[in-house]
Amino acid sequence: MLSILIPFSAALLFPVAAMASKRAMELTRDPWGVLLAGNAATACVFLPLFFFDGKPPPLENAYQPIAAGLLFFLAQVAAYKSFAFGDLSVAIPAQGAKVLLVAAFTVLMLDEAVSPQLWAAAALTAAALYFLQDRSSGGAHSFKRLRATLGLALLASAAFAGFDVAVQKWTPGWGVQRFGPWVFLSQAVFSLSLLFLPGERRWHYGLRAWGWTAMGSLGMALITLSLVAVIGLYGKATLVNILFNSRCIWSVVLVWLAGRWFGNREARSGRGAMSHRLMGSLFMMAAIGLALL
């Protein structure tokens, strides 16, 4: 039951955490500071695992959690930038392409033939992206912003896919309780580079901005911890991915119905645009299901 309940709850929590983070970025005008807080929170929730098995890594394999941490950091940079730059009801469904990319990377790395299901999933993903970049929500500038949001979200998907493949390949040699903490400690170290990017306001956030930042950061950290834990304890990675990627649909629905509580104005795009995005989300979910077969 927990293997179903946890990823489904994470899928519902994800758009809430994303809306909180986007609101924090709007108030602070400092997306890099909000990302730094989110990555720090993720590292903090994994650090207690060192008490269970936090021995230093074997020197010859020390590059593995560092490489995985770098991939996660780059994925977070692209994901948060897509949240700050564009609409969540576009960015989150587009990130669902990660599962298809994981399947594609696995096929390429193992030198296997591409299955008919994977070709069909690729076609459905193309249809999903077509609906997500609906032109009816604005003029040329808005369409250019939509395309940039999709590009950033797909870049995040590619980096997250590489991270998933790295975790799948290297975790067995370490164990979840050893690999996870070292990975997220590494991404926290990489995140310190964000301090050198523009964002002087990060030391002067108001109480309201810190509230939204904390809500988004803790939400994202708990999502990451819960997914890693449920896969480590129960396996069933395919089922977990399908349930968690229902966030594609929930992101559109929650932004449409509850976005105003988070200061989100995407619902003003109009019923037609939001319907197209929901259709794109449904196509992406179908692509995910085929890819995971």
C-alpha atoms as a PDB file:
ATOM      1  CA  MET A   1       0.000   0.000   0.000  1.00  0.00           C
ATOM      2  CA  LEU A   2       2.809   2.455   0.857  1.00  0.00           C
ATOM      3  CA  SER A   3       4.471   1.775  -2.503  1.00  0.00           C
ATOM      4  CA  ILE A   4       1.319   3.229  -4.092  1.00  0.00           C
ATOM      5  CA  LEU A   5       0.380   5.887  -1.538  1.00  0.00           C
ATOM      6  CA  ILE A   6       3.820   7.547  -1.273  1.00  0.00           C
ATOM      7  CA  PRO A   7       4.501   8.238  -4.988  1.00  0.00           C
ATOM      8  CA  PHE A   8       0.870   9.288  -5.533  1.00  0.00           C
ATOM      9  CA  SER A   9       1.124  11.733  -2.613  1.00  0.00           C
ATOM     10  CA  ALA A  10       4.447  12.998  -3.995  1.00  0.00           C
ATOM     11  CA  ALA A  11       2.769  13.623  -7.355  1.00  0.00           C
ATOM     12  CA  LEU A  12       0.111  15.769  -5.653  1.00  0.00           C
ATOM     13  CA  LEU A  13       2.700  17.600  -3.546  1.00  0.00           C
ATOM     14  CA  PHE A  14       5.019  18.396  -6.470  1.00  0.00           C
ATOM     15  CA  PRO A  15       2.891  21.105  -8.165  1.00  0.00           C
ATOM     16  CA  VAL A  16       2.168  22.646  -4.738  1.00  0.00           C
ATOM     17  CA  ALA A  17       5.905  22.838  -3.969  1.00  0.00           C
ATOM     18  CA  ALA A  18       6.584  24.156  -7.474  1.00  0.00           C
ATOM     19  CA  MET A  19       3.946  26.893  -7.119  1.00  0.00           C
ATOM     20  CA  ALA A  20       5.409  27.889  -3.747  1.00  0.00           C
ATOM     21  CA  SER A  21       8.918  28.029  -5.230  1.00  0.00           C
ATOM     22  CA  LYS A  22       7.721  30.060  -8.212  1.00  0.00           C
ATOM     23  CA  ARG A  23       5.986  32.512  -5.879  1.00  0.00           C
ATOM     24  CA  ALA A  24       9.200  32.791  -3.845  1.00  0.00           C
ATOM     25  CA  MET A  25      11.169  33.533  -7.020  1.00  0.00           C
ATOM     26  CA  GLU A  26       8.689  36.221  -7.999  1.00  0.00           C
ATOM     27  CA  LEU A  27       8.863  37.903  -4.583  1.00  0.00           C
ATOM     28  CA  THR A  28      12.643  37.704  -4.218  1.00  0.00           C
ATOM     29  CA  ARG A  29      13.522  38.229  -7.894  1.00  0.00           C
ATOM     30  CA  ASP A  30      16.312  35.772  -7.107  1.00  0.00           C
ATOM     31  CA  PRO A  31      15.726  32.286  -8.608  1.00  0.00           C
ATOM     32  CA  TRP A  32      19.270  31.181  -7.781  1.00  0.00           C
ATOM     33  CA  GLY A  33      18.806  31.921  -4.082  1.00  0.00           C
ATOM     34  CA  VAL A  34      15.545  29.942  -4.017  1.00  0.00           C
ATOM     35  CA  LEU A  35      17.261  27.047  -5.806  1.00  0.00           C
ATOM     36  CA  LEU A  36      20.142  27.166  -3.309  1.00  0.00           C
ATOM     37  CA  ALA A  37      17.652  26.910  -0.437  1.00  0.00           C
ATOM     38  CA  GLY A  38      15.911  23.972  -2.128  1.00  0.00           C
ATOM     39  CA  ASN A  39      19.140  22.067  -2.738  1.00  0.00           C
ATOM     40  CA  ALA A  40      20.307  22.741   0.831  1.00  0.00           C
ATOM     41  CA  ALA A  41      17.024  21.368   2.192  1.00  0.00           C
ATOM     42  CA  THR A  42      17.375  18.224   0.046  1.00  0.00           C
ATOM     43  CA  ALA A  43      20.912  17.642   1.314  1.00  0.00           C
ATOM     44  CA  CYS A  44      19.775  18.131   4.923  1.00  0.00           C
ATOM     45  CA  VAL A  45      17.020  15.504   4.762  1.00  0.00           C
ATOM     46  CA  PHE A  46      19.515  12.928   3.419  1.00  0.00           C
ATOM     47  CA  LEU A  47      22.329  13.683   5.878  1.00  0.00           C
ATOM     48  CA  PRO A  48      20.789  11.633   8.758  1.00  0.00           C
ATOM     49  CA  LEU A  49      21.386   8.500   6.649  1.00  0.00           C
ATOM     50  CA  PHE A  50      25.084   8.900   7.456  1.00  0.00           C
ATOM     51  CA  PHE A  51      24.234   7.709  10.975  1.00  0.00           C
ATOM     52  CA  PHE A  52      23.133   4.370   9.507  1.00  0.00           C
ATOM     53  CA  ASP A  53      26.018   3.860   7.095  1.00  0.00           C
ATOM     54  CA  GLY A  54      28.090   6.917   6.396  1.00  0.00           C
ATOM     55  CA  LYS A  55      31.512   5.346   5.887  1.00  0.00           C
ATOM     56  CA  PRO A  56      33.807   7.082   3.385  1.00  0.00           C
ATOM     57  CA  PRO A  57      33.402   5.813  -0.177  1.00  0.00           C
ATOM     58  CA  PRO A  58      36.009   3.530  -1.781  1.00  0.00           C
ATOM     59  CA  LEU A  59      38.522   5.828  -3.436  1.00  0.00           C
ATOM     60  CA  GLU A  60      38.278   4.155  -6.835  1.00  0.00           C
ATOM     61  CA  ASN A  61      34.487   4.710  -6.901  1.00  0.00           C
ATOM     62  CA  ALA A  62      34.410   8.173  -5.358  1.00  0.00           C
ATOM     63  CA  TYR A  63      33.640   9.776  -8.725  1.00  0.00           C
ATOM     64  CA  GLN A  64      30.257   8.025  -8.928  1.00  0.00           C
ATOM     65  CA  PRO A  65      28.224   9.998  -6.340  1.00  0.00           C
ATOM     66  CA  ILE A  66      30.035  13.162  -7.456  1.00  0.00           C
ATOM     67  CA  ALA A  67      28.963  12.601 -11.078  1.00  0.00           C
ATOM     68  CA  ALA A  68      25.409  11.775 -10.002  1.00  0.00           C
ATOM     69  CA  GLY A  69      25.320  14.849  -7.766  1.00  0.00           C
ATOM     70  CA  LEU A  70      26.481  17.048 -10.653  1.00  0.00           C
ATOM     71  CA  LEU A  71      23.736  15.670 -12.913  1.00  0.00           C
ATOM     72  CA  PHE A  72      21.105  16.328 -10.226  1.00  0.00           C
ATOM     73  CA  PHE A  73      22.421  19.863  -9.707  1.00  0.00           C
ATOM     74  CA  LEU A  74      22.318  20.647 -13.451  1.00  0.00           C
ATOM     75  CA  ALA A  75      18.806  19.180 -13.667  1.00  0.00           C
ATOM     76  CA  GLN A  76      17.648  21.378 -10.784  1.00  0.00           C
ATOM     77  CA  VAL A  77      19.150  24.474 -12.404  1.00  0.00           C
ATOM     78  CA  ALA A  78      17.237  23.844 -15.637  1.00  0.00           C
ATOM     79  CA  ALA A  79      14.026  22.857 -13.811  1.00  0.00           C
ATOM     80  CA  TYR A  80      13.931  25.909 -11.533  1.00  0.00           C
ATOM     81  CA  LYS A  81      14.809  28.186 -14.439  1.00  0.00           C
ATOM     82  CA  SER A  82      11.864  26.750 -16.386  1.00  0.00           C
ATOM     83  CA  PHE A  83       9.620  27.414 -13.349  1.00  0.00           C
ATOM     84  CA  ALA A  84      10.845  30.999 -13.042  1.00  0.00           C
ATOM     85  CA  PHE A  85      10.772  31.756 -16.768  1.00  0.00           C
ATOM     86  CA  GLY A  86       7.512  30.167 -17.879  1.00  0.00           C
ATOM     87  CA  ASP A  87       4.232  28.563 -16.840  1.00  0.00           C
ATOM     88  CA  LEU A  88       4.199  25.583 -14.475  1.00  0.00           C
ATOM     89  CA  SER A  89       1.328  24.024 -16.434  1.00  0.00           C
ATOM     90  CA  VAL A  90       3.785  23.774 -19.349  1.00  0.00           C
ATOM     91  CA  ALA A  91       7.086  23.096 -17.553  1.00  0.00           C
ATOM     92  CA  ILE A  92       5.938  20.253 -15.257  1.00  0.00           C
ATOM     93  CA  PRO A  93       4.191  18.137 -17.925  1.00  0.00           C
ATOM     94  CA  ALA A  94       7.196  18.594 -20.242  1.00  0.00           C
ATOM     95  CA  GLN A  95       9.454  17.223 -17.509  1.00  0.00           C
ATOM     96  CA  GLY A  96       7.477  13.990 -17.764  1.00  0.00           C
ATOM     97  CA  ALA A  97       9.619  13.265 -20.841  1.00  0.00           C
ATOM     98  CA  LYS A  98      12.286  12.152 -18.357  1.00  0.00           C
ATOM     99  CA  VAL A  99      10.901   8.615 -18.251  1.00  0.00           C
ATOM    100  CA  LEU A 100      11.049   8.294 -22.037  1.00  0.00           C
ATOM    101  CA  LEU A 101      14.616   9.615 -22.011  1.00  0.00           C
ATOM    102  CA  VAL A 102      15.594   7.117 -19.294  1.00  0.00           C
ATOM    103  CA  ALA A 103      14.307   4.316 -21.525  1.00  0.00           C
ATOM    104  CA  ALA A 104      16.130   5.764 -24.538  1.00  0.00           C
ATOM    105  CA  PHE A 105      19.428   6.213 -22.635  1.00  0.00           C
ATOM    106  CA  THR A 106      19.175   2.677 -21.285  1.00  0.00           C
ATOM    107  CA  VAL A 107      18.651   1.298 -24.797  1.00  0.00           C
ATOM    108  CA  LEU A 108      21.616   3.282 -26.114  1.00  0.00           C
ATOM    109  CA  MET A 109      23.918   2.308 -23.253  1.00  0.00           C
ATOM    110  CA  LEU A 110      23.010  -1.376 -23.513  1.00  0.00           C
ATOM    111  CA  ASP A 111      23.101  -1.361 -27.330  1.00  0.00           C
ATOM    112  CA  GLU A 112      19.621  -2.854 -27.625  1.00  0.00           C
ATOM    113  CA  ALA A 113      17.053  -2.472 -30.380  1.00  0.00           C
ATOM    114  CA  VAL A 114      14.373   0.205 -29.980  1.00  0.00           C
ATOM    115  CA  SER A 115      11.066  -1.469 -29.144  1.00  0.00           C
ATOM    116  CA  PRO A 116       7.786  -0.603 -30.928  1.00  0.00           C
ATOM    117  CA  GLN A 117       6.451   0.702 -27.594  1.00  0.00           C
ATOM    118  CA  LEU A 118       9.329   3.175 -27.366  1.00  0.00           C
ATOM    119  CA  TRP A 119       8.682   4.459 -30.892  1.00  0.00           C
ATOM    120  CA  ALA A 120       4.991   4.874 -30.021  1.00  0.00           C
ATOM    121  CA  ALA A 121       5.940   6.665 -26.801  1.00  0.00           C
ATOM    122  CA  ALA A 122       8.166   9.032 -28.791  1.00  0.00           C
ATOM    123  CA  ALA A 123       5.238   9.846 -31.090  1.00  0.00           C
ATOM    124  CA  LEU A 124       2.934  10.513 -28.138  1.00  0.00           C
ATOM    125  CA  THR A 125       5.596  12.743 -26.565  1.00  0.00           C
ATOM    126  CA  ALA A 126       5.770  14.772 -29.778  1.00  0.00           C
ATOM    127  CA  ALA A 127       1.961  15.139 -29.668  1.00  0.00           C
ATOM    128  CA  ALA A 128       2.159  16.204 -26.010  1.00  0.00           C
ATOM    129  CA  LEU A 129       4.733  18.896 -26.789  1.00  0.00           C
ATOM    130  CA  TYR A 130       2.568  20.128 -29.667  1.00  0.00           C
ATOM    131  CA  PHE A 131      -0.392  20.682 -27.343  1.00  0.00           C
ATOM    132  CA  LEU A 132       1.769  22.195 -24.585  1.00  0.00           C
ATOM    133  CA  GLN A 133       3.026  24.928 -26.922  1.00  0.00           C
ATOM    134  CA  ASP A 134      -0.467  26.136 -27.781  1.00  0.00           C
ATOM    135  CA  ARG A 135      -0.331  29.529 -29.488  1.00  0.00           C
ATOM    136  CA  SER A 136      -3.735  30.708 -28.318  1.00  0.00           C
ATOM    137  CA  SER A 137      -2.490  32.054 -24.979  1.00  0.00           C
ATOM    138  CA  GLY A 138      -0.657  35.072 -26.343  1.00  0.00           C
ATOM    139  CA  GLY A 139       1.320  36.774 -29.080  1.00  0.00           C
ATOM    140  CA  ALA A 140       4.766  36.151 -30.511  1.00  0.00           C
ATOM    141  CA  HIS A 141       6.538  37.026 -27.269  1.00  0.00           C
ATOM    142  CA  SER A 142       4.397  34.592 -25.275  1.00  0.00           C
ATOM    143  CA  PHE A 143       4.971  31.841 -27.843  1.00  0.00           C
ATOM    144  CA  LYS A 144       8.729  32.441 -27.679  1.00  0.00           C
ATOM    145  CA  ARG A 145       8.507  32.167 -23.881  1.00  0.00           C
ATOM    146  CA  LEU A 146       6.574  28.911 -24.218  1.00  0.00           C
ATOM    147  CA  ARG A 147       9.251  27.457 -26.485  1.00  0.00           C
ATOM    148  CA  ALA A 148      12.009  28.529 -24.085  1.00  0.00           C
ATOM    149  CA  THR A 149      10.112  26.988 -21.146  1.00  0.00           C
ATOM    150  CA  LEU A 150       9.758  23.709 -23.042  1.00  0.00           C
ATOM    151  CA  GLY A 151      13.443  23.753 -23.937  1.00  0.00           C
ATOM    152  CA  LEU A 152      14.504  24.267 -20.332  1.00  0.00           C
ATOM    153  CA  ALA A 153      12.078  21.590 -19.088  1.00  0.00           C
ATOM    154  CA  LEU A 154      13.365  19.080 -21.641  1.00  0.00           C
ATOM    155  CA  LEU A 155      16.949  19.925 -20.693  1.00  0.00           C
ATOM    156  CA  ALA A 156      16.018  19.249 -17.061  1.00  0.00           C
ATOM    157  CA  SER A 157      14.404  15.971 -18.144  1.00  0.00           C
ATOM    158  CA  ALA A 158      17.591  14.888 -19.928  1.00  0.00           C
ATOM    159  CA  ALA A 159      19.745  15.649 -16.875  1.00  0.00           C
ATOM    160  CA  PHE A 160      17.285  13.922 -14.513  1.00  0.00           C
ATOM    161  CA  ALA A 161      17.238  10.931 -16.884  1.00  0.00           C
ATOM    162  CA  GLY A 162      21.025  10.756 -16.788  1.00  0.00           C
ATOM    163  CA  PHE A 163      20.840  10.965 -12.990  1.00  0.00           C
ATOM    164  CA  ASP A 164      18.335   8.094 -12.836  1.00  0.00           C
ATOM    165  CA  VAL A 165      20.493   5.899 -15.074  1.00  0.00           C
ATOM    166  CA  ALA A 166      23.575   6.702 -12.956  1.00  0.00           C
ATOM    167  CA  VAL A 167      21.691   5.841  -9.745  1.00  0.00           C
ATOM    168  CA  GLN A 168      20.399   2.612 -11.279  1.00  0.00           C
ATOM    169  CA  LYS A 169      23.904   1.652 -12.410  1.00  0.00           C
ATOM    170  CA  TRP A 170      25.933   2.593  -9.326  1.00  0.00           C
ATOM    171  CA  THR A 171      23.635   2.190  -6.303  1.00  0.00           C
ATOM    172  CA  PRO A 172      23.922  -1.638  -6.111  1.00  0.00           C
ATOM    173  CA  GLY A 173      27.650  -1.349  -5.445  1.00  0.00           C
ATOM    174  CA  TRP A 174      27.090   1.089  -2.602  1.00  0.00           C
ATOM    175  CA  GLY A 175      23.651   0.470  -1.154  1.00  0.00           C
ATOM    176  CA  VAL A 176      20.948   3.139  -0.940  1.00  0.00           C
ATOM    177  CA  GLN A 177      21.952   4.249   2.574  1.00  0.00           C
ATOM    178  CA  ARG A 178      25.504   5.026   1.446  1.00  0.00           C
ATOM    179  CA  PHE A 179      25.010   6.293  -2.099  1.00  0.00           C
ATOM    180  CA  GLY A 180      22.130   8.698  -1.429  1.00  0.00           C
ATOM    181  CA  PRO A 181      23.820  10.858   1.234  1.00  0.00           C
ATOM    182  CA  TRP A 182      27.054  11.167  -0.744  1.00  0.00           C
ATOM    183  CA  VAL A 183      25.127  12.115  -3.916  1.00  0.00           C
ATOM    184  CA  PHE A 184      23.147  14.897  -2.258  1.00  0.00           C
ATOM    185  CA  LEU A 185      26.122  16.119  -0.261  1.00  0.00           C
ATOM    186  CA  SER A 186      27.914  16.452  -3.618  1.00  0.00           C
ATOM    187  CA  GLN A 187      25.025  18.389  -5.174  1.00  0.00           C
ATOM    188  CA  ALA A 188      25.005  20.698  -2.144  1.00  0.00           C
ATOM    189  CA  VAL A 189      28.691  21.473  -2.719  1.00  0.00           C
ATOM    190  CA  PHE A 190      28.024  22.183  -6.411  1.00  0.00           C
ATOM    191  CA  SER A 191      25.128  24.418  -5.331  1.00  0.00           C
ATOM    192  CA  LEU A 192      27.553  26.731  -3.525  1.00  0.00           C
ATOM    193  CA  SER A 193      28.496  28.034  -6.987  1.00  0.00           C
ATOM    194  CA  LEU A 194      25.083  29.749  -7.033  1.00  0.00           C
ATOM    195  CA  LEU A 195      26.385  32.189  -4.436  1.00  0.00           C
ATOM    196  CA  PHE A 196      28.544  33.772  -7.123  1.00  0.00           C
ATOM    197  CA  LEU A 197      25.610  34.445  -9.457  1.00  0.00           C
ATOM    198  CA  PRO A 198      23.663  37.742  -9.337  1.00  0.00           C
ATOM    199  CA  GLY A 199      21.210  37.846  -6.442  1.00  0.00           C
ATOM    200  CA  GLU A 200      22.221  40.309  -3.760  1.00  0.00           C
ATOM    201  CA  ARG A 201      18.663  40.282  -2.392  1.00  0.00           C
ATOM    202  CA  ARG A 202      19.054  36.749  -1.041  1.00  0.00           C
ATOM    203  CA  TRP A 203      20.265  38.122   2.274  1.00  0.00           C
ATOM    204  CA  HIS A 204      17.366  40.564   2.506  1.00  0.00           C
ATOM    205  CA  TYR A 205      14.285  38.412   1.871  1.00  0.00           C
ATOM    206  CA  GLY A 206      11.182  39.488   3.722  1.00  0.00           C
ATOM    207  CA  LEU A 207       9.313  37.150   6.049  1.00  0.00           C
ATOM    208  CA  ARG A 208       6.671  36.437   3.388  1.00  0.00           C
ATOM    209  CA  ALA A 209       9.302  35.517   0.796  1.00  0.00           C
ATOM    210  CA  TRP A 210      11.104  33.252   3.258  1.00  0.00           C
ATOM    211  CA  GLY A 211       7.796  31.532   4.017  1.00  0.00           C
ATOM    212  CA  TRP A 212       7.209  30.649   0.367  1.00  0.00           C
ATOM    213  CA  THR A 213      10.872  29.653  -0.027  1.00  0.00           C
ATOM    214  CA  ALA A 214      10.694  27.324   2.976  1.00  0.00           C
ATOM    215  CA  MET A 215       7.431  25.781   1.789  1.00  0.00           C
ATOM    216  CA  GLY A 216       8.781  25.057  -1.688  1.00  0.00           C
ATOM    217  CA  SER A 217      12.193  23.869  -0.496  1.00  0.00           C
ATOM    218  CA  LEU A 218      10.885  21.489   2.164  1.00  0.00           C
ATOM    219  CA  GLY A 219       8.252  20.168  -0.243  1.00  0.00           C
ATOM    220  CA  MET A 220      10.848  19.348  -2.912  1.00  0.00           C
ATOM    221  CA  ALA A 221      13.193  17.791  -0.335  1.00  0.00           C
ATOM    222  CA  LEU A 222      10.466  15.538   1.079  1.00  0.00           C
ATOM    223  CA  ILE A 223       9.450  14.455  -2.422  1.00  0.00           C
ATOM    224  CA  THR A 224      13.012  13.450  -3.290  1.00  0.00           C
ATOM    225  CA  LEU A 225      13.526  11.605  -0.003  1.00  0.00           C
ATOM    226  CA  SER A 226      10.198   9.768  -0.218  1.00  0.00           C
ATOM    227  CA  LEU A 227      10.790   8.544  -3.785  1.00  0.00           C
ATOM    228  CA  VAL A 228      14.326   7.353  -3.049  1.00  0.00           C
ATOM    229  CA  ALA A 229      13.086   5.616   0.122  1.00  0.00           C
ATOM    230  CA  VAL A 230      10.115   3.871  -1.468  1.00  0.00           C
ATOM    231  CA  ILE A 231      12.200   2.524  -4.357  1.00  0.00           C
ATOM    232  CA  GLY A 232      14.924   1.433  -1.939  1.00  0.00           C
ATOM    233  CA  LEU A 233      12.470  -0.316   0.383  1.00  0.00           C
ATOM    234  CA  TYR A 234       9.925  -1.779  -2.025  1.00  0.00           C
ATOM    235  CA  GLY A 235      11.494  -1.719  -5.486  1.00  0.00           C
ATOM    236  CA  LYS A 236       8.679  -1.384  -8.041  1.00  0.00           C
ATOM    237  CA  ALA A 237      10.454   1.475  -9.808  1.00  0.00           C
ATOM    238  CA  THR A 238       8.107   1.209 -12.795  1.00  0.00           C
ATOM    239  CA  LEU A 239       4.974   1.592 -10.675  1.00  0.00           C
ATOM    240  CA  VAL A 240       6.543   4.434  -8.690  1.00  0.00           C
ATOM    241  CA  ASN A 241       7.437   6.320 -11.880  1.00  0.00           C
ATOM    242  CA  ILE A 242       3.955   5.930 -13.354  1.00  0.00           C
ATOM    243  CA  LEU A 243       2.251   7.137 -10.182  1.00  0.00           C
ATOM    244  CA  PHE A 244       4.668  10.017  -9.592  1.00  0.00           C
ATOM    245  CA  ASN A 245       4.395  11.225 -13.163  1.00  0.00           C
ATOM    246  CA  SER A 246       0.678  11.726 -12.709  1.00  0.00           C
ATOM    247  CA  ARG A 247       2.042  15.141 -11.621  1.00  0.00           C
ATOM    248  CA  CYS A 248       1.786  15.980 -15.341  1.00  0.00           C
ATOM    249  CA  ILE A 249      -1.997  16.078 -14.964  1.00  0.00           C
ATOM    250  CA  TRP A 250      -2.156  17.366 -11.379  1.00  0.00           C
ATOM    251  CA  SER A 251       0.052  20.331 -12.253  1.00  0.00           C
ATOM    252  CA  VAL A 252      -2.448  21.598 -14.828  1.00  0.00           C
ATOM    253  CA  VAL A 253      -5.493  20.866 -12.643  1.00  0.00           C
ATOM    254  CA  LEU A 254      -4.073  22.434  -9.457  1.00  0.00           C
ATOM    255  CA  VAL A 255      -2.683  25.500 -11.249  1.00  0.00           C
ATOM    256  CA  TRP A 256      -6.073  25.959 -12.933  1.00  0.00           C
ATOM    257  CA  LEU A 257      -8.153  25.529  -9.773  1.00  0.00           C
ATOM    258  CA  ALA A 258      -5.908  26.700  -6.924  1.00  0.00           C
ATOM    259  CA  GLY A 259      -3.180  28.772  -8.552  1.00  0.00           C
ATOM    260  CA  ARG A 260      -4.638  32.088  -7.369  1.00  0.00           C
ATOM    261  CA  TRP A 261      -3.949  31.080  -3.738  1.00  0.00           C
ATOM    262  CA  PHE A 262      -0.247  31.014  -4.669  1.00  0.00           C
ATOM    263  CA  GLY A 263      -0.382  34.248  -6.644  1.00  0.00           C
ATOM    264  CA  ASN A 264      -0.212  32.199  -9.864  1.00  0.00           C
ATOM    265  CA  ARG A 265      -1.868  33.810 -12.896  1.00  0.00           C
ATOM    266  CA  GLU A 266      -1.623  30.994 -15.430  1.00  0.00           C
ATOM    267  CA  ALA A 267      -5.355  30.281 -15.366  1.00  0.00           C
ATOM    268  CA  ARG A 268      -5.806  33.689 -17.024  1.00  0.00           C
ATOM    269  CA  SER A 269      -4.357  32.146 -20.176  1.00  0.00           C
ATOM    270  CA  GLY A 270      -7.919  31.090 -20.886  1.00  0.00           C
ATOM    271  CA  ARG A 271      -9.960  27.918 -20.918  1.00  0.00           C
ATOM    272  CA  GLY A 272      -8.740  27.001 -24.400  1.00  0.00           C
ATOM    273  CA  ALA A 273      -5.050  27.221 -23.539  1.00  0.00           C
ATOM    274  CA  MET A 274      -5.464  25.309 -20.263  1.00  0.00           C
ATOM    275  CA  SER A 275      -7.518  22.624 -22.028  1.00  0.00           C
ATOM    276  CA  HIS A 276      -4.721  22.207 -24.565  1.00  0.00           C
ATOM    277  CA  ARG A 277      -2.202  21.866 -21.748  1.00  0.00           C
ATOM    278  CA  LEU A 278      -4.348  19.254 -20.034  1.00  0.00           C
ATOM    279  CA  MET A 279      -4.543  17.361 -23.325  1.00  0.00           C
ATOM    280  CA  GLY A 280      -0.765  17.572 -23.638  1.00  0.00           C
ATOM    281  CA  SER A 281      -0.442  16.199 -20.100  1.00  0.00           C
ATOM    282  CA  LEU A 282      -2.673  13.250 -20.957  1.00  0.00           C
ATOM    283  CA  PHE A 283      -0.583  12.473 -24.038  1.00  0.00           C
ATOM    284  CA  MET A 284       2.568  12.657 -21.900  1.00  0.00           C
ATOM    285  CA  MET A 285       1.076  10.243 -19.354  1.00  0.00           C
ATOM    286  CA  ALA A 286       0.252   7.808 -22.163  1.00  0.00           C
ATOM    287  CA  ALA A 287       3.831   8.115 -23.460  1.00  0.00           C
ATOM    288  CA  ILE A 288       5.184   7.437 -19.965  1.00  0.00           C
ATOM    289  CA  GLY A 289       3.029   4.328 -19.638  1.00  0.00           C
ATOM    290  CA  LEU A 290       4.277   2.944 -22.970  1.00  0.00           C
ATOM    291  CA  ALA A 291       7.913   3.778 -22.206  1.00  0.00           C
ATOM    292  CA  LEU A 292       7.715   1.968 -18.861  1.00  0.00           C
ATOM    293  CA  LEU A 293       6.377  -1.177 -20.526  1.00  0.00           C
END
